[in-house]
Amino acid sequence: MIVPMTHILAISAAMFVMGLACVLAQRNLIRILIGFEIMLNAVGLTLVGASALWQKVDGQIFVIFLMAVTSAEVAIALALVVYLRRRKATLEADAYAGMKG
């Protein structure tokens, strides 16, 4: 393995923390989705790094499935964002507090 696993884990942890900070700090729905995607990419990076370290293909196959689920999630989430934008004329997350069950 060319890159040490500690470097991969450090970059992945930094990406995950940045995504989590983006999700927790932002009020715009699109920025929250971007933060969530950054967190999923950090998990994928960790899986690929571990797969390369242990020389097994399982982690890489799981990342392919993760990317497929992520693309479906993005399509549904963006459709919801467009619908909510038309309904309330804003993308601020606080405007949708009345939708709690």
N, C-alpha and C. Protein backbone atom coordinates (compact mmCIF):
# COMPACT_ATOMS: atom_id res chain seq x y z
N MET A 1 0.85 -1.17 0.00
CA MET A 1 0.00 0.00 0.00
C MET A 1 0.89 1.24 0.00
N ILE A 2 0.66 2.14 -0.91
CA ILE A 2 1.50 3.32 -1.07
C ILE A 2 1.24 4.34 0.03
N VAL A 3 -0.03 4.61 0.31
CA VAL A 3 -0.40 5.60 1.32
C VAL A 3 -0.68 4.87 2.64
N PRO A 4 -0.08 5.32 3.74
CA PRO A 4 -0.34 4.65 5.02
C PRO A 4 -1.80 4.80 5.44
N MET A 5 -2.29 3.80 6.14
CA MET A 5 -3.69 3.79 6.57
C MET A 5 -3.98 4.94 7.53
N THR A 6 -3.00 5.35 8.31
CA THR A 6 -3.24 6.46 9.24
C THR A 6 -3.54 7.76 8.48
N HIS A 7 -2.89 7.95 7.33
CA HIS A 7 -3.17 9.14 6.52
C HIS A 7 -4.58 9.09 5.94
N ILE A 8 -4.98 7.91 5.48
CA ILE A 8 -6.32 7.75 4.94
C ILE A 8 -7.36 8.01 6.02
N LEU A 9 -7.13 7.47 7.21
CA LEU A 9 -8.08 7.68 8.31
C LEU A 9 -8.11 9.14 8.75
N ALA A 10 -6.96 9.81 8.71
CA ALA A 10 -6.93 11.22 9.10
C ALA A 10 -7.72 12.08 8.10
N ILE A 11 -7.52 11.84 6.82
CA ILE A 11 -8.26 12.60 5.81
C ILE A 11 -9.75 12.28 5.88
N SER A 12 -10.07 11.02 6.08
CA SER A 12 -11.46 10.62 6.19
C SER A 12 -12.12 11.24 7.41
N ALA A 13 -11.42 11.26 8.53
CA ALA A 13 -11.97 11.87 9.74
C ALA A 13 -12.16 13.38 9.56
N ALA A 14 -11.21 14.02 8.90
CA ALA A 14 -11.35 15.46 8.64
C ALA A 14 -12.54 15.73 7.73
N MET A 15 -12.71 14.91 6.69
CA MET A 15 -13.86 15.08 5.81
C MET A 15 -15.17 14.87 6.56
N PHE A 16 -15.20 13.85 7.41
CA PHE A 16 -16.43 13.56 8.16
C PHE A 16 -16.77 14.70 9.11
N VAL A 17 -15.77 15.23 9.79
CA VAL A 17 -16.01 16.35 10.72
C VAL A 17 -16.46 17.59 9.96
N MET A 18 -15.87 17.86 8.79
CA MET A 18 -16.32 19.00 8.00
C MET A 18 -17.76 18.83 7.53
N GLY A 19 -18.10 17.63 7.11
CA GLY A 19 -19.48 17.37 6.70
C GLY A 19 -20.46 17.48 7.85
N LEU A 20 -20.06 16.97 9.01
CA LEU A 20 -20.92 17.06 10.19
C LEU A 20 -21.10 18.51 10.63
N ALA A 21 -20.03 19.28 10.58
CA ALA A 21 -20.13 20.71 10.91
C ALA A 21 -21.04 21.43 9.93
N CYS A 22 -20.96 21.06 8.67
CA CYS A 22 -21.82 21.66 7.66
C CYS A 22 -23.29 21.32 7.91
N VAL A 23 -23.56 20.08 8.27
CA VAL A 23 -24.93 19.67 8.54
C VAL A 23 -25.48 20.37 9.78
N LEU A 24 -24.68 20.48 10.82
CA LEU A 24 -25.16 21.07 12.06
C LEU A 24 -25.23 22.59 12.02
N ALA A 25 -24.37 23.23 11.26
CA ALA A 25 -24.29 24.69 11.29
C ALA A 25 -25.19 25.37 10.25
N GLN A 26 -25.48 24.71 9.17
CA GLN A 26 -26.20 25.35 8.08
C GLN A 26 -27.70 25.30 8.29
N ARG A 27 -28.38 26.25 7.71
CA ARG A 27 -29.84 26.28 7.72
C ARG A 27 -30.41 26.07 6.32
N ASN A 28 -29.58 26.17 5.31
CA ASN A 28 -30.01 25.99 3.94
C ASN A 28 -30.07 24.50 3.63
N LEU A 29 -31.18 24.03 3.06
CA LEU A 29 -31.36 22.60 2.83
C LEU A 29 -30.33 22.03 1.86
N ILE A 30 -29.94 22.77 0.85
CA ILE A 30 -28.95 22.26 -0.11
C ILE A 30 -27.59 22.12 0.55
N ARG A 31 -27.21 23.06 1.39
CA ARG A 31 -25.93 22.96 2.09
C ARG A 31 -25.94 21.79 3.08
N ILE A 32 -27.08 21.51 3.69
CA ILE A 32 -27.19 20.35 4.57
C ILE A 32 -26.99 19.07 3.77
N LEU A 33 -27.58 18.99 2.58
CA LEU A 33 -27.39 17.82 1.72
C LEU A 33 -25.94 17.66 1.29
N ILE A 34 -25.28 18.76 0.99
CA ILE A 34 -23.87 18.70 0.61
C ILE A 34 -23.03 18.18 1.77
N GLY A 35 -23.31 18.64 2.99
CA GLY A 35 -22.60 18.14 4.16
C GLY A 35 -22.81 16.65 4.37
N PHE A 36 -24.04 16.21 4.14
CA PHE A 36 -24.32 14.78 4.27
C PHE A 36 -23.56 13.97 3.23
N GLU A 37 -23.47 14.48 2.03
CA GLU A 37 -22.71 13.80 0.97
C GLU A 37 -21.22 13.74 1.30
N ILE A 38 -20.69 14.80 1.88
CA ILE A 38 -19.28 14.78 2.30
C ILE A 38 -19.05 13.69 3.34
N MET A 39 -19.99 13.54 4.27
CA MET A 39 -19.85 12.49 5.28
C MET A 39 -19.89 11.10 4.64
N LEU A 40 -20.77 10.90 3.68
CA LEU A 40 -20.83 9.60 3.00
C LEU A 40 -19.56 9.32 2.20
N ASN A 41 -18.99 10.35 1.58
CA ASN A 41 -17.72 10.18 0.87
C ASN A 41 -16.58 9.83 1.81
N ALA A 42 -16.60 10.38 3.02
CA ALA A 42 -15.58 10.04 4.01
C ALA A 42 -15.67 8.57 4.40
N VAL A 43 -16.88 8.08 4.55
CA VAL A 43 -17.07 6.66 4.87
C VAL A 43 -16.59 5.79 3.71
N GLY A 44 -16.89 6.20 2.48
CA GLY A 44 -16.43 5.46 1.31
C GLY A 44 -14.92 5.43 1.20
N LEU A 45 -14.28 6.55 1.52
CA LEU A 45 -12.82 6.60 1.49
C LEU A 45 -12.22 5.64 2.52
N THR A 46 -12.82 5.59 3.69
CA THR A 46 -12.34 4.66 4.72
C THR A 46 -12.50 3.21 4.27
N LEU A 47 -13.63 2.90 3.67
CA LEU A 47 -13.86 1.53 3.20
C LEU A 47 -12.87 1.14 2.11
N VAL A 48 -12.59 2.03 1.18
CA VAL A 48 -11.64 1.73 0.11
C VAL A 48 -10.23 1.57 0.68
N GLY A 49 -9.87 2.43 1.63
CA GLY A 49 -8.55 2.32 2.26
C GLY A 49 -8.38 1.02 3.02
N ALA A 50 -9.41 0.63 3.77
CA ALA A 50 -9.35 -0.64 4.51
C ALA A 50 -9.32 -1.82 3.55
N SER A 51 -10.05 -1.71 2.47
CA SER A 51 -10.06 -2.77 1.47
C SER A 51 -8.67 -2.94 0.84
N ALA A 52 -8.01 -1.83 0.57
CA ALA A 52 -6.66 -1.91 0.00
C ALA A 52 -5.67 -2.44 1.02
N LEU A 53 -5.85 -2.07 2.29
CA LEU A 53 -4.94 -2.54 3.33
C LEU A 53 -5.02 -4.06 3.51
N TRP A 54 -6.24 -4.57 3.55
CA TRP A 54 -6.43 -6.00 3.77
C TRP A 54 -6.44 -6.80 2.48
N GLN A 55 -6.30 -6.13 1.35
CA GLN A 55 -6.27 -6.74 0.03
C GLN A 55 -7.48 -7.64 -0.22
N LYS A 56 -8.64 -7.09 0.11
CA LYS A 56 -9.92 -7.75 -0.15
C LYS A 56 -10.75 -6.79 -0.97
N VAL A 57 -11.61 -7.30 -1.79
CA VAL A 57 -12.41 -6.47 -2.68
C VAL A 57 -13.74 -6.07 -2.03
N ASP A 58 -14.05 -6.64 -0.88
CA ASP A 58 -15.36 -6.42 -0.26
C ASP A 58 -15.66 -4.94 -0.01
N GLY A 59 -14.70 -4.20 0.50
CA GLY A 59 -14.92 -2.78 0.78
C GLY A 59 -15.18 -1.97 -0.47
N GLN A 60 -14.48 -2.30 -1.55
CA GLN A 60 -14.67 -1.57 -2.80
C GLN A 60 -16.03 -1.87 -3.42
N ILE A 61 -16.47 -3.12 -3.32
CA ILE A 61 -17.80 -3.48 -3.81
C ILE A 61 -18.87 -2.77 -3.00
N PHE A 62 -18.67 -2.71 -1.68
CA PHE A 62 -19.63 -2.02 -0.83
C PHE A 62 -19.69 -0.53 -1.16
N VAL A 63 -18.56 0.07 -1.52
CA VAL A 63 -18.55 1.48 -1.90
C VAL A 63 -19.32 1.71 -3.19
N ILE A 64 -19.27 0.77 -4.12
CA ILE A 64 -20.05 0.89 -5.35
C ILE A 64 -21.54 0.91 -5.02
N PHE A 65 -21.97 0.01 -4.12
CA PHE A 65 -23.37 0.02 -3.70
C PHE A 65 -23.71 1.30 -2.93
N LEU A 66 -22.77 1.78 -2.12
CA LEU A 66 -22.97 3.03 -1.39
C LEU A 66 -23.15 4.20 -2.35
N MET A 67 -22.38 4.22 -3.42
CA MET A 67 -22.51 5.29 -4.41
C MET A 67 -23.86 5.20 -5.13
N ALA A 68 -24.34 4.00 -5.39
CA ALA A 68 -25.64 3.85 -6.04
C ALA A 68 -26.77 4.34 -5.13
N VAL A 69 -26.69 3.99 -3.85
CA VAL A 69 -27.69 4.45 -2.89
C VAL A 69 -27.61 5.96 -2.71
N THR A 70 -26.40 6.49 -2.70
CA THR A 70 -26.21 7.92 -2.55
C THR A 70 -26.79 8.69 -3.74
N SER A 71 -26.61 8.17 -4.94
CA SER A 71 -27.16 8.88 -6.10
C SER A 71 -28.69 8.85 -6.08
N ALA A 72 -29.28 7.74 -5.63
CA ALA A 72 -30.73 7.70 -5.49
C ALA A 72 -31.21 8.67 -4.41
N GLU A 73 -30.46 8.75 -3.33
CA GLU A 73 -30.81 9.66 -2.24
C GLU A 73 -30.73 11.11 -2.70
N VAL A 74 -29.74 11.43 -3.49
CA VAL A 74 -29.60 12.80 -3.99
C VAL A 74 -30.76 13.14 -4.92
N ALA A 75 -31.14 12.22 -5.77
CA ALA A 75 -32.25 12.48 -6.69
C ALA A 75 -33.55 12.74 -5.93
N ILE A 76 -33.84 11.92 -4.93
CA ILE A 76 -35.05 12.10 -4.14
C ILE A 76 -34.97 13.37 -3.31
N ALA A 77 -33.83 13.63 -2.71
CA ALA A 77 -33.69 14.82 -1.87
C ALA A 77 -33.81 16.10 -2.69
N LEU A 78 -33.22 16.13 -3.87
CA LEU A 78 -33.34 17.33 -4.70
C LEU A 78 -34.77 17.52 -5.20
N ALA A 79 -35.48 16.44 -5.47
CA ALA A 79 -36.89 16.57 -5.84
C ALA A 79 -37.69 17.14 -4.67
N LEU A 80 -37.40 16.70 -3.46
CA LEU A 80 -38.07 17.25 -2.29
C LEU A 80 -37.72 18.72 -2.08
N VAL A 81 -36.47 19.07 -2.32
CA VAL A 81 -36.05 20.46 -2.17
C VAL A 81 -36.79 21.35 -3.17
N VAL A 82 -36.92 20.90 -4.41
CA VAL A 82 -37.65 21.68 -5.41
C VAL A 82 -39.11 21.83 -5.00
N TYR A 83 -39.71 20.75 -4.51
CA TYR A 83 -41.11 20.82 -4.06
C TYR A 83 -41.26 21.78 -2.88
N LEU A 84 -40.38 21.67 -1.91
CA LEU A 84 -40.48 22.55 -0.74
C LEU A 84 -40.19 24.00 -1.10
N ARG A 85 -39.31 24.23 -2.04
CA ARG A 85 -39.01 25.60 -2.49
C ARG A 85 -40.25 26.22 -3.12
N ARG A 86 -40.97 25.44 -3.91
CA ARG A 86 -42.18 25.96 -4.53
C ARG A 86 -43.30 26.17 -3.50
N ARG A 87 -43.31 25.31 -2.49
CA ARG A 87 -44.39 25.40 -1.49
C ARG A 87 -44.20 26.56 -0.54
N LYS A 88 -43.00 26.76 -0.01
CA LYS A 88 -42.75 27.79 1.00
C LYS A 88 -41.94 28.97 0.49
N ALA A 89 -41.39 28.88 -0.71
CA ALA A 89 -40.58 29.94 -1.32
C ALA A 89 -39.31 30.24 -0.54
N THR A 90 -38.78 29.26 0.16
CA THR A 90 -37.52 29.41 0.87
C THR A 90 -36.86 28.04 1.03
N LEU A 91 -35.56 28.05 1.21
CA LEU A 91 -34.83 26.81 1.45
C LEU A 91 -34.27 26.74 2.87
N GLU A 92 -34.67 27.67 3.72
CA GLU A 92 -34.20 27.66 5.10
C GLU A 92 -34.91 26.54 5.87
N ALA A 93 -34.14 25.75 6.60
CA ALA A 93 -34.68 24.58 7.29
C ALA A 93 -35.65 24.97 8.41
N ASP A 94 -35.47 26.14 9.00
CA ASP A 94 -36.35 26.56 10.09
C ASP A 94 -37.77 26.82 9.61
N ALA A 95 -37.95 27.11 8.35
CA ALA A 95 -39.29 27.40 7.81
C ALA A 95 -40.16 26.16 7.79
N TYR A 96 -39.55 25.00 7.89
CA TYR A 96 -40.31 23.75 7.80
C TYR A 96 -40.49 23.09 9.16
N ALA A 97 -40.35 23.83 10.23
CA ALA A 97 -40.51 23.28 11.58
C ALA A 97 -41.95 22.85 11.83
N GLY A 98 -42.89 23.43 11.14
CA GLY A 98 -44.30 23.06 11.30
C GLY A 98 -44.64 21.69 10.73
N MET A 99 -43.70 21.07 10.01
CA MET A 99 -43.95 19.77 9.40
C MET A 99 -43.62 18.62 10.35
N LYS A 100 -43.19 18.95 11.59
CA LYS A 100 -42.89 17.88 12.54
C LYS A 100 -44.16 17.13 12.90
N GLY A 101 -44.00 15.82 13.11
CA GLY A 101 -45.17 14.99 13.38
C GLY A 101 -45.58 14.87 14.78
